[in-house]
Protein backbone atom coordinates (compact mmCIF):
# COMPACT_ATOMS: atom_id res chain seq x y z
CA UNK A 1 2.04 -42.47 9.39
CA UNK A 2 0.41 -41.26 12.62
CA UNK A 3 -3.32 -41.57 13.28
CA UNK A 4 -3.64 -37.78 13.16
CA UNK A 5 -1.87 -37.62 9.80
CA UNK A 6 -4.16 -40.32 8.41
CA UNK A 7 -7.23 -38.43 9.57
CA UNK A 8 -5.90 -35.19 8.06
CA UNK A 9 -5.19 -36.90 4.75
CA UNK A 10 -8.66 -38.46 4.70
CA UNK A 11 -10.26 -35.10 5.50
CA UNK A 12 -8.37 -33.43 2.64
CA UNK A 13 -9.43 -36.18 0.24
CA UNK A 14 -13.06 -35.92 1.32
CA UNK A 15 -13.04 -32.12 1.03
CA UNK A 16 -11.59 -32.30 -2.49
CA UNK A 17 -14.33 -34.76 -3.50
CA UNK A 18 -17.03 -32.45 -2.17
CA UNK A 19 -15.54 -29.43 -3.94
CA UNK A 20 -15.75 -31.27 -7.26
CA UNK A 21 -19.52 -31.48 -6.71
CA UNK A 22 -19.57 -27.68 -6.57
CA UNK A 23 -18.25 -27.51 -10.14
CA UNK A 24 -21.15 -29.68 -11.29
CA UNK A 25 -23.65 -27.63 -9.31
CA UNK A 26 -22.29 -24.41 -10.77
CA UNK A 27 -22.74 -25.67 -14.32
CA UNK A 28 -26.05 -27.52 -13.92
CA UNK A 29 -27.94 -25.93 -11.01
CA UNK A 30 -26.80 -22.34 -10.56
CA UNK A 31 -27.95 -21.12 -14.02
CA UNK A 32 -31.53 -22.38 -13.50
CA UNK A 33 -33.52 -20.25 -11.02
CA UNK A 34 -36.17 -22.99 -10.81
CA UNK A 35 -33.75 -25.80 -10.00
CA UNK A 36 -34.09 -27.35 -6.53
CA UNK A 37 -31.16 -26.49 -4.28
CA UNK A 38 -30.26 -25.87 -0.63
CA UNK A 39 -27.95 -23.14 0.58
CA UNK A 40 -26.59 -23.56 4.11
CA UNK A 41 -25.51 -20.18 5.50
CA UNK A 42 -22.93 -20.24 8.30
CA UNK A 43 -22.15 -16.59 9.10
CA UNK A 44 -19.06 -17.35 11.18
CA UNK A 45 -16.60 -14.55 11.79
CA UNK A 46 -13.73 -16.99 12.23
CA UNK A 47 -11.16 -14.34 13.06
CA UNK A 48 -8.95 -13.77 16.10
CA UNK A 49 -11.30 -13.40 19.10
CA UNK A 50 -9.33 -10.56 20.67
CA UNK A 51 -9.45 -8.58 17.43
CA UNK A 52 -13.20 -9.15 17.06
CA UNK A 53 -13.82 -8.17 20.69
CA UNK A 54 -12.81 -4.61 19.82
CA UNK A 55 -15.72 -4.25 17.33
CA UNK A 56 -18.88 -2.89 18.92
CA UNK A 57 -21.81 -5.30 18.61
CA UNK A 58 -19.74 -7.83 16.70
CA UNK A 59 -22.00 -10.73 17.71
CA UNK A 60 -24.74 -9.20 15.57
CA UNK A 61 -22.50 -9.17 12.50
CA UNK A 62 -23.82 -12.68 11.93
CA UNK A 63 -26.97 -10.88 10.71
CA UNK A 64 -25.15 -9.21 7.82
CA UNK A 65 -25.53 -12.37 5.76
CA UNK A 66 -29.31 -12.29 6.14
CA UNK A 67 -29.19 -10.77 2.67
CA UNK A 68 -28.85 -14.42 1.59
CA UNK A 69 -32.55 -14.81 2.43
CA UNK A 70 -33.14 -12.98 -0.85
CA UNK A 71 -32.24 -16.29 -2.53
CA UNK A 72 -35.72 -17.40 -1.53
CA UNK A 73 -37.06 -15.43 -4.48
CA UNK A 74 -36.12 -18.56 -6.47
CA UNK A 75 -39.21 -20.75 -5.92
CA UNK A 76 -37.48 -24.09 -5.29
CA UNK A 77 -34.53 -22.85 -3.27
CA UNK A 78 -34.26 -23.76 0.41
CA UNK A 79 -32.12 -21.70 2.81
CA UNK A 80 -30.79 -22.99 6.12
CA UNK A 81 -29.39 -20.22 8.32
CA UNK A 82 -27.52 -20.95 11.56
CA UNK A 83 -26.63 -18.32 14.18
CA UNK A 84 -25.14 -18.24 17.66
CA UNK A 85 -28.31 -16.82 19.20
CA UNK A 86 -31.88 -16.70 17.85
CA UNK A 87 -32.62 -13.89 15.42
CA UNK A 88 -35.59 -11.71 16.34
CA UNK A 89 -38.59 -12.88 14.22
CA UNK A 90 -39.29 -9.23 13.36
CA UNK A 91 -35.88 -9.05 11.65
CA UNK A 92 -36.57 -12.22 9.63
CA UNK A 93 -39.99 -10.87 8.63
CA UNK A 94 -38.36 -7.64 7.48
CA UNK A 95 -36.14 -9.49 5.02
CA UNK A 96 -38.88 -11.79 3.78
CA UNK A 97 -41.14 -8.84 3.04
CA UNK A 98 -38.40 -7.43 0.79
CA UNK A 99 -38.93 -10.36 -1.58
CA UNK A 100 -40.82 -9.27 -4.67
CA UNK A 101 -43.25 -11.59 -6.38
CA UNK A 102 -42.99 -14.30 -3.71
CA UNK A 103 -45.62 -14.70 -0.97
CA UNK A 104 -44.03 -14.47 2.46
CA UNK A 105 -45.67 -17.74 3.52
CA UNK A 106 -44.12 -19.53 0.54
CA UNK A 107 -40.64 -18.18 1.33
CA UNK A 108 -40.99 -18.97 5.01
CA UNK A 109 -41.73 -22.64 4.28
CA UNK A 110 -38.38 -22.86 2.51
CA UNK A 111 -36.42 -21.15 5.29
CA UNK A 112 -35.05 -23.06 8.28
CA UNK A 113 -33.42 -21.07 11.08
CA UNK A 114 -31.22 -22.84 13.63
CA UNK A 115 -29.62 -21.35 16.73
CA UNK A 116 -26.78 -22.66 18.86
CA UNK A 117 -28.18 -20.72 21.86
CA UNK A 118 -24.62 -19.81 22.70
CA UNK A 119 -23.47 -16.19 23.04
CA UNK A 120 -19.83 -16.98 23.81
CA UNK A 121 -17.13 -15.60 21.46
CA UNK A 122 -16.61 -18.97 19.76
CA UNK A 123 -17.48 -19.09 16.06
CA UNK A 124 -20.74 -20.48 14.73
CA UNK A 125 -18.86 -23.32 13.07
CA UNK A 126 -17.25 -24.35 16.37
CA UNK A 127 -20.58 -24.13 18.16
CA UNK A 128 -22.23 -26.42 15.62
CA UNK A 129 -19.37 -28.91 15.69
CA UNK A 130 -19.59 -29.01 19.48
CA UNK A 131 -23.30 -29.98 19.30
CA UNK A 132 -23.73 -33.33 17.51
CA UNK A 133 -27.53 -33.29 17.80
CA UNK A 134 -27.72 -29.84 16.21
CA UNK A 135 -25.36 -30.98 13.48
CA UNK A 136 -27.63 -33.95 12.79
CA UNK A 137 -30.73 -31.71 12.65
CA UNK A 138 -28.99 -29.55 10.06
CA UNK A 139 -28.12 -32.63 8.03
CA UNK A 140 -31.71 -33.85 8.24
CA UNK A 141 -32.96 -30.46 6.97
CA UNK A 142 -31.00 -30.82 3.70
CA UNK A 143 -33.31 -32.66 1.26
CA UNK A 144 -30.58 -33.62 -1.24
CA UNK A 145 -26.90 -33.08 -0.32
CA UNK A 146 -25.88 -33.40 -3.98
CA UNK A 147 -27.84 -30.18 -4.60
CA UNK A 148 -26.62 -28.28 -1.56
CA UNK A 149 -23.65 -26.12 -0.71
CA UNK A 150 -22.44 -24.14 2.28
CA UNK A 151 -21.53 -20.46 2.27
CA UNK A 152 -19.80 -18.54 5.05
CA UNK A 153 -18.36 -15.13 5.87
CA UNK A 154 -14.82 -16.49 5.85
CA UNK A 155 -13.50 -20.01 5.67
CA UNK A 156 -11.08 -21.58 8.13
CA UNK A 157 -10.33 -25.20 8.94
CA UNK A 158 -13.39 -25.14 11.21
CA UNK A 159 -15.75 -24.25 8.37
CA UNK A 160 -14.06 -26.84 6.16
CA UNK A 161 -14.57 -29.48 8.84
CA UNK A 162 -18.21 -28.47 9.12
CA UNK A 163 -18.72 -28.81 5.37
CA UNK A 164 -17.20 -32.30 5.51
CA UNK A 165 -19.44 -33.29 8.43
CA UNK A 166 -22.50 -32.00 6.57
CA UNK A 167 -21.40 -33.79 3.40
CA UNK A 168 -21.73 -30.73 1.15
CA UNK A 169 -19.23 -28.52 -0.70
CA UNK A 170 -18.25 -25.06 0.52
CA UNK A 171 -18.46 -22.09 -1.84
CA UNK A 172 -15.45 -20.33 -0.37
CA UNK A 173 -11.68 -20.31 -0.58
CA UNK A 174 -9.90 -23.44 0.69
CA UNK A 175 -8.53 -22.38 4.10
CA UNK A 176 -5.20 -23.92 3.14
CA UNK A 177 -4.82 -20.78 0.97
CA UNK A 178 -5.79 -18.25 3.65
CA UNK A 179 -2.21 -17.02 3.99
CA UNK A 180 -2.73 -15.27 0.64
CA UNK A 181 -5.15 -12.94 2.41
CA UNK A 182 -2.87 -12.07 5.30
CA UNK A 183 -1.06 -8.73 5.31
CA UNK A 184 2.16 -10.46 4.23
CA UNK A 185 0.40 -12.67 1.68
CA UNK A 186 -1.38 -9.65 0.22
CA UNK A 187 1.90 -7.82 -0.42
CA UNK A 188 3.36 -10.90 -2.10
CA UNK A 189 0.26 -11.24 -4.33
CA UNK A 190 0.46 -7.57 -5.28
CA UNK A 191 4.11 -7.94 -6.22
CA UNK A 192 3.27 -10.94 -8.43
CA UNK A 193 0.42 -8.96 -10.01
CA UNK A 194 2.76 -6.08 -10.76
CA UNK A 195 0.68 -3.39 -9.08
CA UNK A 196 1.79 -0.54 -6.86
CA UNK A 197 2.27 -1.03 -3.11
CA UNK A 198 3.54 1.27 -0.38
CA UNK A 199 7.19 0.78 0.50
CA UNK A 200 7.43 -1.60 3.41
CA UNK A 201 8.48 -4.90 4.93
CA UNK A 202 6.41 -8.04 5.43
CA UNK A 203 6.73 -11.37 7.19
CA UNK A 204 7.79 -9.68 10.43
CA UNK A 205 7.62 -11.91 13.49
CA UNK A 206 8.44 -9.75 16.50
CA UNK A 207 8.85 -6.19 17.74
CA UNK A 208 12.60 -6.12 17.09
CA UNK A 209 11.88 -6.74 13.40
CA UNK A 210 9.29 -3.94 13.53
CA UNK A 211 11.98 -1.62 14.89
CA UNK A 212 14.37 -2.69 12.11
CA UNK A 213 11.69 -2.09 9.46
CA UNK A 214 10.80 1.35 10.80
CA UNK A 215 14.49 2.23 10.85
CA UNK A 216 15.07 1.04 7.26
CA UNK A 217 12.07 2.98 5.97
CA UNK A 218 13.36 6.22 7.47
CA UNK A 219 16.90 5.64 6.23
CA UNK A 220 15.60 4.98 2.73
CA UNK A 221 13.27 8.00 2.76
CA UNK A 222 14.51 10.74 5.12
CA UNK A 223 11.38 12.81 4.34
CA UNK A 224 9.04 10.10 5.63
CA UNK A 225 6.93 11.46 8.49
CA UNK A 226 4.88 8.42 9.47
CA UNK A 227 4.61 4.68 9.06
CA UNK A 228 1.97 2.11 9.93
CA UNK A 229 2.35 -1.19 11.76
CA UNK A 230 -0.27 -3.84 10.94
CA UNK A 231 -1.13 -7.11 12.63
CA UNK A 232 -1.12 -10.01 10.18
CA UNK A 233 -4.79 -10.80 10.80
CA UNK A 234 -6.27 -7.41 11.69
CA UNK A 235 -9.89 -6.77 10.63
CA UNK A 236 -11.42 -3.51 9.31
CA UNK A 237 -8.26 -1.60 10.22
CA UNK A 238 -8.59 -2.49 13.91
CA UNK A 239 -5.16 -4.15 13.93
CA UNK A 240 -3.33 -1.07 12.64
CA UNK A 241 -1.16 1.36 14.59
CA UNK A 242 0.47 4.55 13.31
CA UNK A 243 4.02 5.62 14.18
CA UNK A 244 5.34 9.18 13.94
CA UNK A 245 8.99 10.04 13.20
CA UNK A 246 8.57 13.57 14.55
CA UNK A 247 11.76 14.84 16.29
CA UNK A 248 13.69 11.68 15.43
CA UNK A 249 17.50 11.89 15.04
CA UNK A 250 18.82 12.22 11.50
CA UNK A 251 20.71 8.92 11.39
CA UNK A 252 23.01 8.26 14.32
CA UNK A 253 21.07 6.51 17.06
CA UNK A 254 17.89 6.27 14.95
CA UNK A 255 17.24 2.61 15.70
CA UNK A 256 17.82 3.09 19.42
CA UNK A 257 15.50 6.13 19.37
CA UNK A 258 12.75 4.15 17.59
CA UNK A 259 13.09 1.25 20.01
CA UNK A 260 12.75 3.56 22.98
CA UNK A 261 9.88 5.62 21.53
CA UNK A 262 7.83 2.82 19.97
CA UNK A 263 5.74 1.88 23.06
CA UNK A 264 4.68 5.49 23.63
CA UNK A 265 4.35 6.66 20.02
CA UNK A 266 2.17 3.97 18.49
CA UNK A 267 -1.34 5.33 17.91
CA UNK A 268 -3.82 2.46 17.80
CA UNK A 269 -6.94 2.32 15.66
CA UNK A 270 -8.70 -0.09 18.02
CA UNK A 271 -10.33 1.58 21.00
CA UNK A 272 -8.80 0.56 24.31
CA UNK A 273 -5.66 -0.93 22.77
CA UNK A 274 -2.34 -0.55 24.61
CA UNK A 275 1.31 -1.43 24.09
CA UNK A 276 1.37 -4.56 26.22
CA UNK A 277 -1.59 -6.13 24.44
CA UNK A 278 -0.55 -5.01 20.97
CA UNK A 279 3.08 -6.12 21.25
CA UNK A 280 1.96 -9.50 22.61
CA UNK A 281 -0.47 -9.89 19.74
CA UNK A 282 2.23 -8.98 17.22
CA UNK A 283 4.56 -11.56 18.75
CA UNK A 284 1.76 -14.13 18.40
CA UNK A 285 0.68 -13.48 14.80
CA UNK A 286 3.33 -11.23 13.23
CA UNK A 287 2.62 -8.55 10.68
CA UNK A 288 4.02 -5.87 8.41
CA UNK A 289 5.30 -2.30 8.42
CA UNK A 290 4.51 0.12 5.60
CA UNK A 291 5.18 3.75 4.80
CA UNK A 292 2.21 5.96 5.52
CA UNK A 293 0.72 7.08 2.19
CA UNK A 294 0.14 10.82 2.34
CA UNK A 295 -1.53 13.25 -0.03
CA UNK A 296 -3.55 16.45 -0.02
CA UNK A 297 -6.44 14.48 -1.54
CA UNK A 298 -6.59 10.88 -0.37
CA UNK A 299 -9.25 8.20 -0.77
CA UNK A 300 -9.73 4.54 0.04
CA UNK A 301 -11.42 2.65 -2.81
CA UNK A 302 -11.90 -1.09 -3.03
CA UNK A 303 -12.62 -3.68 -5.69
CA UNK A 304 -14.74 -6.79 -5.26
CA UNK A 305 -14.43 -9.86 -7.46
CA UNK A 306 -15.36 -13.53 -7.57
CA UNK A 307 -13.58 -16.58 -8.92
CA UNK A 308 -16.28 -19.09 -9.76
CA UNK A 309 -16.01 -22.89 -9.57
CA UNK A 310 -15.25 -23.01 -13.31
CA UNK A 311 -12.23 -20.76 -12.77
CA UNK A 312 -13.75 -17.70 -14.41
CA UNK A 313 -13.10 -14.24 -12.99
CA UNK A 314 -16.12 -12.01 -12.37
CA UNK A 315 -15.56 -8.38 -11.44
CA UNK A 316 -18.43 -7.56 -9.08
CA UNK A 317 -18.15 -3.94 -7.95
CA UNK A 318 -16.02 -1.00 -6.89
CA UNK A 319 -16.55 1.18 -3.83
CA UNK A 320 -15.15 4.22 -2.14
CA UNK A 321 -14.78 3.28 1.50
CA UNK A 322 -15.86 5.55 4.33
CA UNK A 323 -13.16 5.31 6.99
CA UNK A 324 -12.92 6.61 10.54
CA UNK A 325 -10.93 5.97 13.69
CA UNK A 326 -8.04 8.03 15.07
CA UNK A 327 -6.19 8.16 11.73
CA UNK A 328 -8.88 7.09 9.27
CA UNK A 329 -8.12 3.38 8.94
CA UNK A 330 -11.31 1.81 10.39
CA UNK A 331 -14.03 0.74 7.93
CA UNK A 332 -17.35 2.46 8.61
CA UNK A 333 -19.20 2.19 5.32
CA UNK A 334 -19.00 2.75 1.58
CA UNK A 335 -20.40 4.42 -1.50
CA UNK A 336 -21.10 2.52 -4.70
CA UNK A 337 -19.66 2.78 -7.24
CA UNK A 338 -16.21 4.32 -6.83
CA UNK A 339 -15.93 7.72 -8.52
CA UNK A 340 -15.63 8.11 -12.29
CA UNK A 341 -12.04 9.36 -12.01
CA UNK A 342 -10.59 5.96 -11.24
CA UNK A 343 -13.10 3.15 -10.82
CA UNK A 344 -12.10 1.45 -14.07
CA UNK A 345 -8.41 1.82 -13.16
CA UNK A 346 -8.80 0.06 -9.83
CA UNK A 347 -11.06 -2.53 -11.45
CA UNK A 348 -8.22 -3.36 -13.84
CA UNK A 349 -5.77 -3.60 -10.93
CA UNK A 350 -8.25 -5.87 -9.16
CA UNK A 351 -8.43 -8.13 -12.21
CA UNK A 352 -4.64 -8.54 -12.18
CA UNK A 353 -4.85 -9.60 -8.54
CA UNK A 354 -7.70 -11.99 -9.39
CA UNK A 355 -5.58 -13.66 -12.08
CA UNK A 356 -2.80 -14.34 -9.57
CA UNK A 357 -5.27 -15.67 -7.00
CA UNK A 358 -7.03 -17.88 -9.55
CA UNK A 359 -3.73 -19.38 -10.63
CA UNK A 360 -3.06 -20.25 -6.99
CA UNK A 361 -6.41 -22.02 -6.61
CA UNK A 362 -8.55 -19.39 -4.89
CA UNK A 363 -12.34 -19.77 -5.10
CA UNK A 364 -15.18 -17.43 -4.20
CA UNK A 365 -15.55 -13.76 -3.34
CA UNK A 366 -12.72 -11.50 -2.30
CA UNK A 367 -11.90 -7.81 -2.13
CA UNK A 368 -8.84 -5.65 -2.71
CA UNK A 369 -8.39 -2.42 -0.75
CA UNK A 370 -6.39 0.56 -1.99
CA UNK A 371 -5.17 3.91 -0.74
CA UNK A 372 -5.35 6.45 -3.57
CA UNK A 373 -3.73 9.88 -3.68
CA UNK A 374 -4.00 12.61 -6.27
CA UNK A 375 -0.61 13.69 -7.58
CA UNK A 376 -1.01 16.57 -10.01
CA UNK A 377 -3.89 15.48 -12.23
CA UNK A 378 -3.25 11.76 -11.84
CA UNK A 379 -4.42 9.30 -9.20
CA UNK A 380 -1.91 6.80 -7.82
CA UNK A 381 -3.38 3.65 -6.31
CA UNK A 382 -1.44 1.76 -3.64
CA UNK A 383 -2.77 -1.76 -3.03
CA UNK A 384 -3.16 -2.35 0.70
CA UNK A 385 -4.87 -5.66 1.38
CA UNK A 386 -6.59 -8.71 -0.07
CA UNK A 387 -9.66 -9.90 1.85
CA UNK A 388 -10.22 -13.57 1.00
CA UNK A 389 -13.74 -13.52 2.36
CA UNK A 390 -17.00 -11.70 2.19
CA UNK A 391 -16.39 -8.15 3.36
CA UNK A 392 -18.08 -5.00 4.52
CA UNK A 393 -19.33 -4.28 1.00
CA UNK A 394 -20.52 -7.79 0.13
CA UNK A 395 -23.90 -7.75 1.84
CA UNK A 396 -24.72 -4.20 0.74
CA UNK A 397 -24.09 -4.97 -2.91
CA UNK A 398 -25.93 -8.29 -2.72
CA UNK A 399 -28.99 -6.52 -1.32
CA UNK A 400 -28.94 -4.08 -4.25
CA UNK A 401 -28.53 -6.93 -6.71
CA UNK A 402 -31.27 -9.11 -5.26
CA UNK A 403 -33.81 -6.31 -4.86
CA UNK A 404 -33.42 -4.76 -8.31
CA UNK A 405 -32.57 -7.90 -10.29
CA UNK A 406 -29.94 -5.74 -11.98
CA UNK A 407 -26.39 -6.38 -13.14
CA UNK A 408 -22.95 -4.87 -12.84
CA UNK A 409 -21.59 -3.47 -16.11
CA UNK A 410 -17.82 -3.96 -16.25
CA UNK A 411 -17.50 -1.59 -19.20
CA UNK A 412 -18.72 1.41 -17.22
CA UNK A 413 -18.38 0.21 -13.63
CA UNK A 414 -22.05 1.05 -13.07
CA UNK A 415 -24.91 -1.07 -11.72
CA UNK A 416 -27.90 -1.15 -14.07
CA UNK A 417 -31.44 -2.22 -13.23
CA UNK A 418 -33.32 -4.64 -15.49
CA UNK A 419 -34.55 -1.58 -17.42
CA UNK A 420 -31.03 -0.21 -17.85
CA UNK A 421 -31.22 2.55 -15.25
CA UNK A 422 -28.12 3.17 -13.10
CA UNK A 423 -28.38 2.85 -9.32
CA UNK A 424 -26.02 4.12 -6.63
CA UNK A 425 -25.90 3.67 -2.89
CA UNK A 426 -24.50 5.08 0.32
CA UNK A 427 -24.05 2.44 3.02
CA UNK A 428 -22.89 2.29 6.60
CA UNK A 429 -22.31 -0.52 9.09
CA UNK A 430 -21.81 2.00 11.85
CA UNK A 431 -24.89 4.19 12.19
CA UNK A 432 -24.80 4.86 15.94
CA UNK A 433 -26.67 6.97 18.47
CA UNK A 434 -26.98 6.22 22.22
CA UNK A 435 -30.69 7.02 21.96
CA UNK A 436 -31.16 4.11 19.55
CA UNK A 437 -30.82 1.81 22.55
CA UNK A 438 -34.36 2.85 23.45
CA UNK A 439 -35.59 1.09 20.31
CA UNK A 440 -36.22 -2.61 19.77
CA UNK A 441 -36.07 -4.23 16.32
CA UNK A 442 -39.87 -4.13 16.23
CA UNK A 443 -39.78 -0.39 17.00
CA UNK A 444 -37.43 0.14 14.10
CA UNK A 445 -39.75 -1.75 11.77
CA UNK A 446 -42.64 0.47 12.92
CA UNK A 447 -40.57 3.57 12.16
CA UNK A 448 -39.65 2.17 8.75
CA UNK A 449 -43.32 1.74 7.87
CA UNK A 450 -44.64 4.93 9.48
CA UNK A 451 -41.99 7.20 7.94
CA UNK A 452 -41.67 5.49 4.59
CA UNK A 453 -38.09 4.40 5.20
CA UNK A 454 -38.18 1.34 3.01
CA UNK A 455 -37.16 0.15 -0.42
CA UNK A 456 -39.75 0.85 -3.12
CA UNK A 457 -40.00 -1.87 -5.73
CA UNK A 458 -41.68 0.47 -8.24
CA UNK A 459 -38.90 3.08 -8.21
CA UNK A 460 -36.14 0.67 -7.20
CA UNK A 461 -34.90 3.25 -4.72
CA UNK A 462 -35.07 3.50 -0.96
CA UNK A 463 -33.58 2.29 2.30
CA UNK A 464 -32.63 -1.17 3.54
CA UNK A 465 -31.45 -1.89 7.09
CA UNK A 466 -29.16 -4.56 8.49
CA UNK A 467 -27.48 -5.31 11.84
CA UNK A 468 -30.94 -4.61 13.22
CA UNK A 469 -30.40 -6.90 16.21
CA UNK A 470 -27.66 -4.58 17.54
CA UNK A 471 -29.93 -1.58 17.94
CA UNK A 472 -31.19 -2.13 21.51
CA UNK A 473 -27.94 -3.19 23.16
CA UNK A 474 -25.42 -1.13 21.21
CA UNK A 475 -27.45 1.71 19.69
CA UNK A 476 -26.03 0.64 16.34
CA UNK A 477 -27.33 -0.59 13.00
CA UNK A 478 -26.47 -0.72 9.32
CA UNK A 479 -28.17 0.95 6.40
CA UNK A 480 -28.04 0.91 2.58
CA UNK A 481 -29.57 3.92 0.82
CA UNK A 482 -30.20 3.38 -2.91
CA UNK A 483 -30.76 6.32 -5.26
CA UNK A 484 -30.65 7.19 -8.95
CA UNK A 485 -27.55 9.35 -8.43
CA UNK A 486 -24.74 9.56 -5.88
CA UNK A 487 -26.26 12.77 -4.54
CA UNK A 488 -29.73 11.30 -4.08
CA UNK A 489 -28.31 8.25 -2.28
CA UNK A 490 -26.33 10.48 0.11
CA UNK A 491 -29.36 12.72 0.72
CA UNK A 492 -31.48 9.66 1.44
CA UNK A 493 -28.90 8.64 4.05
CA UNK A 494 -29.00 12.10 5.66
CA UNK A 495 -32.79 12.05 5.73
CA UNK A 496 -32.76 8.56 7.26
CA UNK A 497 -30.38 9.63 10.04
CA UNK A 498 -32.49 12.71 10.83
CA UNK A 499 -35.66 10.63 10.99
CA UNK A 500 -34.16 7.94 13.20
CA UNK A 501 -32.59 10.49 15.54
CA UNK A 502 -35.89 12.32 15.91
CA UNK A 503 -37.90 9.14 16.45
CA UNK A 504 -35.40 7.80 19.00
CA UNK A 505 -35.34 11.11 20.87
CA UNK A 506 -39.14 11.28 20.89
CA UNK A 507 -39.21 7.86 22.50
CA UNK A 508 -36.84 8.83 25.32
């Protein structure tokens, strides 16, 4: 056996040993809010760098997991948070002041922030692993490794290696199973779960196979007007491209026509994408082709679930996604919960997916995205993708949960406060205005206080901000608006946008 193989085998053995500790922690430590523990937060976006580069302000997406600071409401919990670049102290203060019943000074003593002081596109995990002294300081900050675990946005071999080096388990899916969350893996999981998917082909490796798939789809369904090509590892719809069959020949010469038209006809969701770059990326990572799901009334709901270390399935939430981009495939935000018409239906479909994933060894949070169309008086839900990671709705829901101390009711699909009152929210990761660049994070905090744009503990309604660090450079931030009805949450969002626009314009 080669030296490399021996090291790989040893790493796998060590990782398995650490993950067994997580089962013990889940049974003995997690249920007790007063139990000492340490949570190491590594907000790596360990996804293809070229894909991430197309997302405006993506380096500040490391701040989305600052909702984990809400864990400091448990009096003996320590949080270690590591980022590429230092987080503005005003942003940290903002989150600490959201804690109810815990003095800020007490929470701050239990929070350790580390920075790699590295703004390059490499992931946080890589940056830590490349800095042995920083890695040692993180180790030294963990009082008791047997009572610590690591959490991350998504887990790759780099995060797994980091967990091994830190000597603590990782509450996330084993990266050896990540193929289940690819576009091809998702379709295979859906087929095993017995839920509806759009007609298509997966496991494609090059453009010639894309051409074959597009041809087969049209032959099978002559009425098909459009199809979508998806990169295997695209994020938030940015790896998708739409193809139109308009003016195509009936049958003879169809493949040749598609091959000739493909470079000019693909319509990319990612800004600045072109044929040369996209075709090269497809050749590198592969992907799928699916029929475009059409309907007079069309929505994009999602389901979030968790498989805990004991193997139990927990349905966490449902959302209706707010999508944008050239053809409405780019994630911009969400409303919680999904509408009454179908939220329990998609929750049930999500549970079927969860059962398949659990049986294959998946651990942690994941989401399932759908495209839903109304046919007559019935909604049909086409499963689109499994996200084996924290997603765009994870941090928003966690903020609601932490701030209200409420629970998700699987019977109704509603979120109920501790007093049994339902709460709804309207959230966006993409609130943008060029004038916002005139504001610093501290300016935003001033506006929040002066204009009452904050979450009120007494009413358990209000506004919470995230991605605050992106405001000055990108004119962009995130917001979660919590109300006692869907309408009040949406109105709170509108009022927030008007206030921010006015304040930013006044400062110009």
